[in-house]
């Protein structure tokens, strides 16, 4: 019987894992995956933001009573196109965001495996690499997120004539640093989501049949990625929704000199929302987020893996 040290299959897997594809391939695969996901799922992001920015309960028909009610009122009162309001910002953001998410996760995986002398990926390392990738990703996405929130918010959208106009007015009226308003909340949001997402991907994949044991390895790999990405998306969303709620609140309000904002830092803001609106308010928009990031997480992982496999064949 071959030992792990002499088993040629194990040695080949270890060798392949120790030599990831160059960064440019990881970057491109992440970019394609991100754009694919957002083109399909973006209307749910608009609905999620509208619900999160709603303070208190619906009175006399004003406001939204859930995802379907929000969809219906936006379409009826503002038109279908409003469901894609602000999509330019996330489209521009998705290329660096998703590319950095996956490429950073792959890079941190190898870094931490070498640092901790771990021959294979473990659950703690999967969580740590996900959190590190999320922190890296947040550095890029904050300005795009702020512009997206301003354009999606019904109360402020009329002030801006598109992405460029929003960018110019924010910089002119609030200063360049205003583009990083909500950075701390965004940082925590991405750390928590990515730790849950990539940590779950590791666990779910470990429980599913290996593609190499299936009569149709490619089909099994796609099914595994869909399942792992879906579970990871649900778990990451469950953990990070409260932070997403306060991030949306922080970024939706323009800074006024001399005025202390109601929502400034993530963790104190969690207390403000829970105290004034109840604990359930921290999960506003949760259903819309689950509907997006559950299937969306699966789409991301399947597309990323497929594109990376294609690049792997090209690079051979």
Foldseek 3Di string as FASTA:
>chain_A
DDDCVGPPVNVVVLVDLLDADDLVLLLQLQLVLQLVQCVPQQLLVLLLLQQLQDAADDDPNPGADDRVRSCVCCCVPPNPCLSCFLVVLVNVLRSRLRSLQRSQLSVQLSVVCVVVVPSDDDLVSQLVSQLVSLLVSLVRNQLSVLLSLQCSHPVRVVVADGRVRSQVCLCVVQNPCLSCQLSQLSSVLRSQLRSQLRSQLVVQLVVADQLVPDPHSLVSVLVSLLQSQLRSLLRSLVRRQLSVSLSSVRSNDRDDPPDDDPRGHRPVVSVVSCVRHNNCSSCGSSVSSSVSRNSSRSSSRSSSVVSSVVVVVVVD
